[in-house]
Amino acid sequence: MHGDFAASNAHCVSWRADTSAATLANGNVSKHTTGGSWAADTDDDFMFRIIEDPAGTNYEVSSGDLIFEEGELSATYYTNIKDAGSSDLYGIKVNFVATGLESTLVEIRTSTDGISYTSWATWYPADYTMRYYQIRFTFTRETASDVATIDSLQIVADQLA
């Protein structure tokens, strides 16, 4: 990551490093040690993941993963409202990797103006005329003692027109 970042409770950044003299795949890394100066780091490879934490119920973010709160059978997670940049026809793709789930309901709402939104509807890999969109996930596990984790979640809007 590069740039100026303000402290925020809206996102969780999970970092990992392979420090076993790994080759850095892309980009460059510099590190700063207390009292020292910035220096190139050529033998470590870093991976990071950003998880939004805007709204929802019965989950928490831990080590970059969404996990159920203790004793809860279901958890609801809302993404932030996304701006695709212009009103047009988009294909919305949703991919996630999870363990310990019995079922998942994925819903979408869209808007062309950012003010009036459609009602929540079941998401299908289809084409949507919109500029703004939001996705809502309801994850359910069979029993409250099952370990359920959402390890990866990706949403992509591809402009079709």
C-alpha atoms as a PDB file:
ATOM      1  CA  MET A   1       0.000   0.000   0.000  1.00  0.00           C
ATOM      2  CA  HIS A   2       1.191   3.454  -0.716  1.00  0.00           C
ATOM      3  CA  GLY A   3      -0.105   6.845   0.251  1.00  0.00           C
ATOM      4  CA  ASP A   4      -1.555   8.692   3.207  1.00  0.00           C
ATOM      5  CA  PHE A   5      -4.056   6.691   5.236  1.00  0.00           C
ATOM      6  CA  ALA A   6      -6.158   7.997   8.105  1.00  0.00           C
ATOM      7  CA  ALA A   7      -6.989   5.798  11.074  1.00  0.00           C
ATOM      8  CA  SER A   8     -10.396   4.185  10.560  1.00  0.00           C
ATOM      9  CA  ASN A   9     -12.630   1.616  12.219  1.00  0.00           C
ATOM     10  CA  ALA A  10     -14.258   0.932   8.851  1.00  0.00           C
ATOM     11  CA  HIS A  11     -11.591  -1.433   7.514  1.00  0.00           C
ATOM     12  CA  CYS A  12      -9.413  -4.252   8.735  1.00  0.00           C
ATOM     13  CA  VAL A  13      -6.041  -4.789   7.060  1.00  0.00           C
ATOM     14  CA  SER A  14      -4.496  -8.199   7.549  1.00  0.00           C
ATOM     15  CA  TRP A  15      -0.761  -8.481   6.799  1.00  0.00           C
ATOM     16  CA  ARG A  16       1.359 -11.567   6.325  1.00  0.00           C
ATOM     17  CA  ALA A  17       5.012 -11.857   5.417  1.00  0.00           C
ATOM     18  CA  ASP A  18       7.108 -14.671   4.048  1.00  0.00           C
ATOM     19  CA  THR A  19      10.484 -13.879   5.627  1.00  0.00           C
ATOM     20  CA  SER A  20      12.225 -17.087   4.518  1.00  0.00           C
ATOM     21  CA  ALA A  21      14.318 -15.264   1.913  1.00  0.00           C
ATOM     22  CA  ALA A  22      11.363 -15.292  -0.492  1.00  0.00           C
ATOM     23  CA  THR A  23      11.528 -13.480  -3.810  1.00  0.00           C
ATOM     24  CA  LEU A  24       9.259 -10.472  -4.008  1.00  0.00           C
ATOM     25  CA  ALA A  25       6.806 -11.219  -6.836  1.00  0.00           C
ATOM     26  CA  ASN A  26       5.844  -7.673  -7.853  1.00  0.00           C
ATOM     27  CA  GLY A  27       6.603  -4.165  -6.715  1.00  0.00           C
ATOM     28  CA  ASN A  28       9.114  -3.172  -4.086  1.00  0.00           C
ATOM     29  CA  VAL A  29       9.218  -3.102  -0.322  1.00  0.00           C
ATOM     30  CA  SER A  30      10.917  -0.701   2.031  1.00  0.00           C
ATOM     31  CA  LYS A  31      10.967  -0.977   5.764  1.00  0.00           C
ATOM     32  CA  HIS A  32      11.646   1.433   8.553  1.00  0.00           C
ATOM     33  CA  THR A  33      13.159   0.500  11.855  1.00  0.00           C
ATOM     34  CA  THR A  34      12.727   2.598  14.954  1.00  0.00           C
ATOM     35  CA  GLY A  35      15.365   5.290  14.974  1.00  0.00           C
ATOM     36  CA  GLY A  36      16.619   4.265  11.538  1.00  0.00           C
ATOM     37  CA  SER A  37      15.845   5.217   7.986  1.00  0.00           C
ATOM     38  CA  TRP A  38      13.893   3.616   5.167  1.00  0.00           C
ATOM     39  CA  ALA A  39      15.773   0.775   3.485  1.00  0.00           C
ATOM     40  CA  ALA A  40      14.959  -1.635   0.648  1.00  0.00           C
ATOM     41  CA  ASP A  41      13.801  -5.102   1.741  1.00  0.00           C
ATOM     42  CA  THR A  42      14.629  -7.494  -1.101  1.00  0.00           C
ATOM     43  CA  ASP A  43      14.182 -10.909   0.521  1.00  0.00           C
ATOM     44  CA  ASP A  44      10.688 -10.761   2.039  1.00  0.00           C
ATOM     45  CA  ASP A  45       7.341 -11.132   0.276  1.00  0.00           C
ATOM     46  CA  PHE A  46       4.303  -9.434   1.809  1.00  0.00           C
ATOM     47  CA  MET A  47       0.635 -10.183   1.264  1.00  0.00           C
ATOM     48  CA  PHE A  48      -2.267  -8.148   2.593  1.00  0.00           C
ATOM     49  CA  ARG A  49      -6.032  -8.258   2.540  1.00  0.00           C
ATOM     50  CA  ILE A  50      -8.496  -5.466   3.305  1.00  0.00           C
ATOM     51  CA  ILE A  51     -11.908  -6.254   4.757  1.00  0.00           C
ATOM     52  CA  GLU A  52     -14.584  -3.607   5.032  1.00  0.00           C
ATOM     53  CA  ASP A  53     -16.487  -3.572   8.274  1.00  0.00           C
ATOM     54  CA  PRO A  54     -19.361  -1.201   7.522  1.00  0.00           C
ATOM     55  CA  ALA A  55     -22.462  -2.918   8.916  1.00  0.00           C
ATOM     56  CA  GLY A  56     -24.025  -6.200   9.861  1.00  0.00           C
ATOM     57  CA  THR A  57     -24.838  -8.390  12.806  1.00  0.00           C
ATOM     58  CA  ASN A  58     -23.397 -11.384  14.659  1.00  0.00           C
ATOM     59  CA  TYR A  59     -19.880 -11.378  13.229  1.00  0.00           C
ATOM     60  CA  GLU A  60     -16.486  -9.942  14.005  1.00  0.00           C
ATOM     61  CA  VAL A  61     -13.264  -9.447  12.065  1.00  0.00           C
ATOM     62  CA  SER A  62     -10.333 -11.498  13.338  1.00  0.00           C
ATOM     63  CA  SER A  63      -6.981 -11.801  11.580  1.00  0.00           C
ATOM     64  CA  GLY A  64      -8.586 -10.555   8.384  1.00  0.00           C
ATOM     65  CA  ASP A  65     -11.397 -13.157   8.389  1.00  0.00           C
ATOM     66  CA  LEU A  66     -15.089 -12.696   9.139  1.00  0.00           C
ATOM     67  CA  ILE A  67     -16.095 -15.039  11.947  1.00  0.00           C
ATOM     68  CA  PHE A  68     -19.395 -15.711  13.708  1.00  0.00           C
ATOM     69  CA  GLU A  69     -19.934 -14.390  17.192  1.00  0.00           C
ATOM     70  CA  GLU A  70     -20.139 -17.145  19.775  1.00  0.00           C
ATOM     71  CA  GLY A  71     -23.555 -18.840  19.931  1.00  0.00           C
ATOM     72  CA  GLU A  72     -24.996 -17.242  16.780  1.00  0.00           C
ATOM     73  CA  LEU A  73     -26.476 -19.423  14.009  1.00  0.00           C
ATOM     74  CA  SER A  74     -26.417 -16.717  11.334  1.00  0.00           C
ATOM     75  CA  ALA A  75     -24.513 -13.555  10.506  1.00  0.00           C
ATOM     76  CA  THR A  76     -25.406 -10.724   8.138  1.00  0.00           C
ATOM     77  CA  TYR A  77     -22.702  -8.704   6.383  1.00  0.00           C
ATOM     78  CA  TYR A  78     -23.302  -5.595   4.255  1.00  0.00           C
ATOM     79  CA  THR A  79     -20.688  -4.177   1.915  1.00  0.00           C
ATOM     80  CA  ASN A  80     -20.219  -0.442   1.668  1.00  0.00           C
ATOM     81  CA  ILE A  81     -22.177   1.145  -1.172  1.00  0.00           C
ATOM     82  CA  LYS A  82     -20.006   0.862  -4.282  1.00  0.00           C
ATOM     83  CA  ASP A  83     -19.825   3.472  -7.061  1.00  0.00           C
ATOM     84  CA  ALA A  84     -19.128   1.876 -10.454  1.00  0.00           C
ATOM     85  CA  GLY A  85     -18.405   5.322 -11.938  1.00  0.00           C
ATOM     86  CA  SER A  86     -21.266   5.745 -14.417  1.00  0.00           C
ATOM     87  CA  SER A  87     -24.807   4.509 -15.010  1.00  0.00           C
ATOM     88  CA  ASP A  88     -24.489   1.591 -17.392  1.00  0.00           C
ATOM     89  CA  LEU A  89     -24.968  -2.150 -17.788  1.00  0.00           C
ATOM     90  CA  TYR A  90     -22.716  -4.168 -15.459  1.00  0.00           C
ATOM     91  CA  GLY A  91     -22.127  -7.825 -14.770  1.00  0.00           C
ATOM     92  CA  ILE A  92     -21.757  -8.332 -11.010  1.00  0.00           C
ATOM     93  CA  LYS A  93     -19.627 -11.283  -9.920  1.00  0.00           C
ATOM     94  CA  VAL A  94     -19.497 -12.523  -6.341  1.00  0.00           C
ATOM     95  CA  ASN A  95     -16.961 -15.094  -5.142  1.00  0.00           C
ATOM     96  CA  PHE A  96     -16.191 -16.208  -1.617  1.00  0.00           C
ATOM     97  CA  VAL A  97     -14.391 -18.987   0.222  1.00  0.00           C
ATOM     98  CA  ALA A  98     -15.950 -20.143   3.472  1.00  0.00           C
ATOM     99  CA  THR A  99     -15.843 -23.096   5.833  1.00  0.00           C
ATOM    100  CA  GLY A 100     -18.494 -24.493   8.176  1.00  0.00           C
ATOM    101  CA  LEU A 101     -21.542 -22.929   6.508  1.00  0.00           C
ATOM    102  CA  GLU A 102     -24.886 -24.619   5.964  1.00  0.00           C
ATOM    103  CA  SER A 103     -26.219 -21.947   3.586  1.00  0.00           C
ATOM    104  CA  THR A 104     -25.543 -18.486   2.196  1.00  0.00           C
ATOM    105  CA  LEU A 105     -28.025 -15.954   0.858  1.00  0.00           C
ATOM    106  CA  VAL A 106     -26.490 -13.252  -1.371  1.00  0.00           C
ATOM    107  CA  GLU A 107     -28.640 -10.207  -2.114  1.00  0.00           C
ATOM    108  CA  ILE A 108     -28.114  -7.022  -4.108  1.00  0.00           C
ATOM    109  CA  ARG A 109     -29.684  -3.594  -4.325  1.00  0.00           C
ATOM    110  CA  THR A 110     -28.851  -1.071  -7.046  1.00  0.00           C
ATOM    111  CA  SER A 111     -29.313   2.587  -7.911  1.00  0.00           C
ATOM    112  CA  THR A 112     -28.660   4.832 -10.885  1.00  0.00           C
ATOM    113  CA  ASP A 113     -28.554   8.036  -8.813  1.00  0.00           C
ATOM    114  CA  GLY A 114     -27.246   6.991  -5.361  1.00  0.00           C
ATOM    115  CA  ILE A 115     -30.490   8.128  -3.714  1.00  0.00           C
ATOM    116  CA  SER A 116     -33.254   5.717  -4.765  1.00  0.00           C
ATOM    117  CA  TYR A 117     -32.363   2.038  -4.440  1.00  0.00           C
ATOM    118  CA  THR A 118     -34.157  -1.089  -5.565  1.00  0.00           C
ATOM    119  CA  SER A 119     -35.461  -3.426  -2.884  1.00  0.00           C
ATOM    120  CA  TRP A 120     -33.059  -6.148  -1.764  1.00  0.00           C
ATOM    121  CA  ALA A 121     -33.288  -9.057  -4.245  1.00  0.00           C
ATOM    122  CA  THR A 122     -31.509 -12.391  -4.495  1.00  0.00           C
ATOM    123  CA  TRP A 123     -28.254 -11.893  -6.399  1.00  0.00           C
ATOM    124  CA  TYR A 124     -27.750 -13.927  -9.550  1.00  0.00           C
ATOM    125  CA  PRO A 125     -24.768 -13.733 -11.923  1.00  0.00           C
ATOM    126  CA  ALA A 126     -26.712 -11.448 -14.257  1.00  0.00           C
ATOM    127  CA  ASP A 127     -26.536  -8.011 -15.861  1.00  0.00           C
ATOM    128  CA  TYR A 128     -27.634  -4.982 -13.831  1.00  0.00           C
ATOM    129  CA  THR A 129     -28.329  -1.444 -15.088  1.00  0.00           C
ATOM    130  CA  MET A 130     -26.915   0.745 -12.326  1.00  0.00           C
ATOM    131  CA  ARG A 131     -24.170   3.009 -11.099  1.00  0.00           C
ATOM    132  CA  TYR A 132     -24.293   2.243  -7.365  1.00  0.00           C
ATOM    133  CA  TYR A 133     -24.728  -1.135  -5.723  1.00  0.00           C
ATOM    134  CA  GLN A 134     -24.554  -2.844  -2.365  1.00  0.00           C
ATOM    135  CA  ILE A 135     -24.325  -6.547  -1.532  1.00  0.00           C
ATOM    136  CA  ARG A 136     -25.754  -8.215   1.583  1.00  0.00           C
ATOM    137  CA  PHE A 137     -24.716 -11.687   2.724  1.00  0.00           C
ATOM    138  CA  THR A 138     -26.592 -13.827   5.233  1.00  0.00           C
ATOM    139  CA  PHE A 139     -24.388 -16.724   6.299  1.00  0.00           C
ATOM    140  CA  THR A 140     -25.938 -19.605   8.282  1.00  0.00           C
ATOM    141  CA  ARG A 141     -24.313 -22.517  10.066  1.00  0.00           C
ATOM    142  CA  GLU A 142     -26.053 -25.708  11.181  1.00  0.00           C
ATOM    143  CA  THR A 143     -25.272 -25.456  14.882  1.00  0.00           C
ATOM    144  CA  ALA A 144     -23.892 -22.677  17.057  1.00  0.00           C
ATOM    145  CA  SER A 145     -20.920 -24.870  17.964  1.00  0.00           C
ATOM    146  CA  ASP A 146     -19.794 -25.277  14.321  1.00  0.00           C
ATOM    147  CA  VAL A 147     -16.736 -23.213  13.411  1.00  0.00           C
ATOM    148  CA  ALA A 148     -17.682 -20.956  10.499  1.00  0.00           C
ATOM    149  CA  THR A 149     -15.260 -18.579   8.807  1.00  0.00           C
ATOM    150  CA  ILE A 150     -15.436 -16.493   5.642  1.00  0.00           C
ATOM    151  CA  ASP A 151     -11.822 -16.499   4.470  1.00  0.00           C
ATOM    152  CA  SER A 152     -12.122 -14.617   1.203  1.00  0.00           C
ATOM    153  CA  LEU A 153     -14.794 -12.455  -0.396  1.00  0.00           C
ATOM    154  CA  GLN A 154     -14.540 -10.775  -3.794  1.00  0.00           C
ATOM    155  CA  ILE A 155     -17.090  -8.638  -5.655  1.00  0.00           C
ATOM    156  CA  VAL A 156     -16.398  -7.349  -9.159  1.00  0.00           C
ATOM    157  CA  ALA A 157     -18.515  -5.076 -11.387  1.00  0.00           C
ATOM    158  CA  ASP A 158     -17.610  -5.440 -15.076  1.00  0.00           C
ATOM    159  CA  GLN A 159     -18.968  -2.740 -17.383  1.00  0.00           C
ATOM    160  CA  LEU A 160     -20.628  -4.492 -20.337  1.00  0.00           C
ATOM    161  CA  ALA A 161     -21.704  -1.660 -22.636  1.00  0.00           C
END
